[in-house]
Amino acid sequence: MFANLRHLFFAGATVLLASAPAIGQPFEGVIEFTKTTGPVVTNYKYYVKGERIRIEEISARGEVQGIMLVDTRDKTVTAISPERKLYMDVPNMRLPKDVETSVQKTSEMKDMAGYKCEKWLVKSGKEDRVLTYWVAADEFNFFVPLLETLNRKDEQAVFFLQIKDNKGVFPMLGIEQKNDGAEVSRLEVKQVSKGAQKATLFEIPAGFNKFERN
C-alpha cells in the first residue's frame, strides 16, 4: 500500500538548486513543482518550516495522494496515506552513492519563478549523465539537509550533493540527460510562495493509525 509513496523520495531528491546564498531569514513557505519522466508528469508541493518539510504528491484532479513528513534535524521520514488514514516510519539503510563528476558554474542567467537563476552543469562520463541546474538563491537552507535525509540514489540528487558551495540554493529547473543529449528527467518549479506555515502541517494528523509491517 505504501509502495506507491516511495517515489515521493524522488521529489525530495530531484527538485533543483540555486546560486550564491542571499543574506536574510531562512526560507519558509511553499514550493510547487513538477517532475517529468518520459510521458509521466507528477505534481508536488514542498511545505517548508525550519528543519521540517512536508512533501505532497498531487493528482491531476488536485487531490493529495501521498504525504512525506521529513525532519532534517532528527533525520526521520514518515509516510502518510490520507485515503487509508495510516502512517509509517520509513527506514533508510542505503549507503550514500559516490560518483565522479566535473562541475561548471556558468555566468549564464535566466528568470524563473520570480528568481534570477544561474546555470550549473554537472557531468559524469562514467555515469553517462549531464545534469543542468538553473539555481536561485534565497536562503534555501533546508534543501541540502533534505537531500541528505532522503538519501536517494537518483542522479538529480546525487549530482547536486557533489557540488561545492551548494548551501542555501534551490534549483528552479533541473534537467537530467544522457551524454548523447537524450532527456531522462526534468524537475521544474512552477511557483514559490513565501509565508509562515502552520506547525500542524508537519504533524501526523489526529486519528491516523500506525501501519506495522508483519
Protein backbone atom coordinates (compact mmCIF):
# COMPACT_ATOMS: atom_id res chain seq x y z
CA MET A 1 0.00 0.00 0.00
CA PHE A 2 2.82 2.38 0.85
CA ALA A 3 4.89 1.27 -2.10
CA ASN A 4 3.30 3.99 -4.19
CA LEU A 5 4.58 6.59 -1.71
CA ARG A 6 8.20 5.61 -2.06
CA HIS A 7 8.66 7.56 -5.28
CA LEU A 8 7.97 10.70 -3.24
CA PHE A 9 11.59 10.39 -2.21
CA PHE A 10 12.50 11.21 -5.80
CA ALA A 11 10.75 14.50 -5.39
CA GLY A 12 12.92 15.27 -2.46
CA ALA A 13 15.92 14.16 -4.25
CA THR A 14 15.20 15.77 -7.51
CA VAL A 15 13.99 19.26 -7.21
CA LEU A 16 16.67 21.78 -8.25
CA LEU A 17 19.15 24.26 -6.83
CA ALA A 18 20.24 27.91 -6.68
CA SER A 19 23.22 30.25 -6.78
CA ALA A 20 25.10 32.09 -4.05
CA PRO A 21 23.05 32.36 -0.86
CA ALA A 22 21.37 35.63 -0.02
CA ILE A 23 21.53 37.29 3.38
CA GLY A 24 18.32 37.04 5.35
CA GLN A 25 15.98 34.69 7.11
CA PRO A 26 15.81 31.02 6.11
CA PHE A 27 13.14 30.35 3.52
CA GLU A 28 9.68 29.50 4.86
CA GLY A 29 6.80 28.86 2.50
CA VAL A 30 5.58 26.59 -0.30
CA ILE A 31 7.35 25.42 -3.46
CA GLU A 32 5.22 23.85 -6.22
CA PHE A 33 6.93 21.85 -8.94
CA THR A 34 6.52 19.09 -11.49
CA LYS A 35 8.64 16.05 -12.26
CA THR A 36 8.60 14.71 -15.83
CA THR A 37 9.96 11.28 -16.68
CA GLY A 38 9.15 10.30 -20.24
CA PRO A 39 5.40 10.80 -20.73
CA VAL A 40 4.67 10.79 -16.99
CA VAL A 41 4.20 14.17 -15.27
CA THR A 42 3.76 14.29 -11.49
CA ASN A 43 2.93 17.37 -9.38
CA TYR A 44 4.48 18.00 -5.97
CA LYS A 45 4.42 20.61 -3.22
CA TYR A 46 7.08 21.30 -0.60
CA TYR A 47 5.90 23.00 2.60
CA VAL A 48 8.95 24.30 4.45
CA LYS A 49 9.24 25.47 8.05
CA GLY A 50 12.70 25.45 9.59
CA GLU A 51 14.04 21.89 9.74
CA ARG A 52 10.69 20.34 8.81
CA ILE A 53 9.47 19.70 5.28
CA ARG A 54 6.14 18.28 4.12
CA ILE A 55 6.16 16.73 0.63
CA GLU A 56 2.80 16.23 -1.06
CA GLU A 57 2.10 14.38 -4.29
CA ILE A 58 -0.88 15.99 -6.05
CA SER A 59 -3.14 14.17 -8.51
CA ALA A 60 -4.28 15.64 -11.81
CA ARG A 61 -7.58 16.48 -10.06
CA GLY A 62 -5.75 18.42 -7.36
CA GLU A 63 -6.13 15.78 -4.64
CA VAL A 64 -3.33 14.88 -2.22
CA GLN A 65 -2.39 11.28 -2.98
CA GLY A 66 0.53 10.85 -0.61
CA ILE A 67 2.48 12.77 2.02
CA MET A 68 6.02 12.55 3.38
CA LEU A 69 6.99 14.36 6.60
CA VAL A 70 10.74 14.96 6.81
CA ASP A 71 12.63 16.19 9.88
CA THR A 72 16.18 17.09 8.85
CA ARG A 73 17.30 17.61 12.43
CA ASP A 74 16.30 14.13 13.59
CA LYS A 75 16.91 12.61 10.12
CA THR A 76 13.48 10.97 10.11
CA VAL A 77 10.92 10.38 7.35
CA THR A 78 7.26 9.46 7.85
CA ALA A 79 4.94 8.36 5.03
CA ILE A 80 1.22 9.18 5.33
CA SER A 81 -1.73 7.76 3.40
CA PRO A 82 -4.60 10.31 3.56
CA GLU A 83 -7.00 7.83 1.96
CA ARG A 84 -6.32 4.99 4.42
CA LYS A 85 -5.64 7.29 7.40
CA LEU A 86 -2.43 5.41 8.11
CA TYR A 87 1.22 6.40 8.60
CA MET A 88 4.51 4.55 8.78
CA ASP A 89 8.14 5.27 9.64
CA VAL A 90 10.40 4.98 6.61
CA PRO A 91 13.81 3.49 7.49
CA ASN A 92 16.78 4.36 5.32
CA MET A 93 19.60 1.84 5.32
CA ARG A 94 21.06 2.74 1.92
CA LEU A 95 24.70 3.80 1.79
CA PRO A 96 25.36 7.17 0.13
CA LYS A 97 26.31 6.92 -3.55
CA ASP A 98 29.65 8.41 -4.59
CA VAL A 99 30.21 9.43 -8.22
CA GLU A 100 33.00 11.11 -10.17
CA THR A 101 31.79 14.41 -11.59
CA SER A 102 33.00 17.66 -13.09
CA VAL A 103 31.20 20.88 -12.18
CA GLN A 104 30.92 24.06 -14.21
CA LYS A 105 29.21 27.15 -12.81
CA THR A 106 28.46 29.37 -15.77
CA SER A 107 27.65 33.06 -15.93
CA GLU A 108 24.50 32.33 -17.93
CA MET A 109 21.36 33.64 -16.22
CA LYS A 110 17.62 33.11 -16.70
CA ASP A 111 14.50 34.43 -14.94
CA MET A 112 12.39 31.60 -13.50
CA ALA A 113 9.61 31.51 -10.89
CA GLY A 114 10.40 35.05 -9.81
CA TYR A 115 14.15 34.45 -9.36
CA LYS A 116 17.27 35.17 -11.35
CA CYS A 117 18.81 31.73 -11.79
CA GLU A 118 22.37 30.75 -12.67
CA LYS A 119 23.18 27.78 -14.89
CA TRP A 120 25.25 24.98 -13.31
CA LEU A 121 26.44 21.94 -15.25
CA VAL A 122 27.46 18.66 -13.61
CA LYS A 123 28.83 15.88 -15.81
CA SER A 124 29.93 12.28 -15.36
CA GLY A 125 31.19 10.24 -18.28
CA LYS A 126 31.24 7.08 -16.18
CA GLU A 127 27.58 7.51 -15.21
CA ASP A 128 26.58 8.66 -18.72
CA ARG A 129 24.86 11.74 -17.33
CA VAL A 130 24.79 15.51 -17.76
CA LEU A 131 22.78 17.48 -15.17
CA THR A 132 21.80 21.06 -15.90
CA TYR A 133 20.60 23.04 -12.89
CA TRP A 134 19.18 26.57 -13.01
CA VAL A 135 19.64 27.62 -9.40
CA ALA A 136 18.26 30.51 -7.36
CA ALA A 137 19.46 31.93 -4.06
CA ASP A 138 17.04 32.81 -1.27
CA GLU A 139 18.36 31.17 1.91
CA PHE A 140 17.02 27.76 0.86
CA ASN A 141 18.92 26.26 3.78
CA PHE A 142 16.60 23.27 4.06
CA PHE A 143 17.44 21.75 0.67
CA VAL A 144 20.83 20.09 1.20
CA PRO A 145 19.80 18.60 4.59
CA LEU A 146 16.60 17.37 2.90
CA LEU A 147 18.55 15.55 0.18
CA GLU A 148 20.89 14.08 2.80
CA THR A 149 17.96 12.86 4.91
CA LEU A 150 16.10 11.35 1.95
CA ASN A 151 19.41 9.82 0.75
CA ARG A 152 18.06 8.86 -2.66
CA LYS A 153 20.15 7.31 -5.43
CA ASP A 154 18.67 9.27 -8.34
CA GLU A 155 21.12 11.40 -10.27
CA GLN A 156 19.38 14.76 -9.78
CA ALA A 157 20.01 14.49 -6.04
CA VAL A 158 23.34 12.65 -6.10
CA PHE A 159 24.96 15.03 -8.56
CA PHE A 160 23.80 18.11 -6.70
CA LEU A 161 25.37 16.87 -3.48
CA GLN A 162 28.70 16.66 -5.33
CA ILE A 163 28.72 20.44 -5.89
CA LYS A 164 30.78 22.58 -3.54
CA ASP A 165 29.15 25.72 -2.17
CA ASN A 166 25.68 24.22 -2.67
CA LYS A 167 24.27 25.59 0.58
CA GLY A 168 21.34 27.98 0.52
CA VAL A 169 20.37 27.42 -3.10
CA PHE A 170 17.46 25.68 -4.82
CA PRO A 171 17.07 24.56 -8.46
CA MET A 172 14.14 26.15 -10.21
CA LEU A 173 14.83 23.82 -13.14
CA GLY A 174 16.80 20.58 -13.25
CA ILE A 175 17.33 18.61 -16.46
CA GLU A 176 18.89 15.16 -16.46
CA GLN A 177 20.27 13.95 -19.80
CA LYS A 178 22.44 11.17 -21.12
CA ASN A 179 25.72 12.16 -22.74
CA ASP A 180 24.09 11.88 -26.17
CA GLY A 181 21.53 14.54 -25.18
CA ALA A 182 18.55 12.24 -24.57
CA GLU A 183 16.47 13.64 -21.72
CA VAL A 184 15.87 11.33 -18.74
CA SER A 185 14.01 13.53 -16.27
CA ARG A 186 13.04 17.14 -15.66
CA LEU A 187 12.13 18.96 -12.46
CA GLU A 188 10.59 22.40 -12.87
CA VAL A 189 9.35 24.81 -10.22
CA LYS A 190 6.01 26.42 -11.10
CA GLN A 191 5.50 28.70 -8.11
CA VAL A 192 7.26 29.83 -4.93
CA SER A 193 5.15 31.36 -2.16
CA LYS A 194 6.79 32.79 0.95
CA GLY A 195 4.86 32.86 4.22
CA ALA A 196 4.53 31.37 7.68
CA GLN A 197 3.42 27.73 7.73
CA LYS A 198 1.22 26.15 10.41
CA ALA A 199 3.05 23.70 12.66
CA THR A 200 0.19 21.20 12.30
CA LEU A 201 1.15 20.65 8.64
CA PHE A 202 4.24 18.81 9.84
CA GLU A 203 2.49 16.56 12.35
CA ILE A 204 0.74 13.22 11.92
CA PRO A 205 -2.99 14.01 11.73
CA ALA A 206 -5.17 13.07 14.70
CA GLY A 207 -6.98 9.78 14.25
CA PHE A 208 -4.36 8.25 11.92
CA ASN A 209 -3.07 4.81 12.89
CA LYS A 210 0.45 3.47 12.51
CA PHE A 211 0.96 0.84 9.84
CA GLU A 212 3.09 -2.02 11.16
CA ARG A 213 4.88 -4.40 8.84
CA ASN A 214 4.47 -8.06 9.66
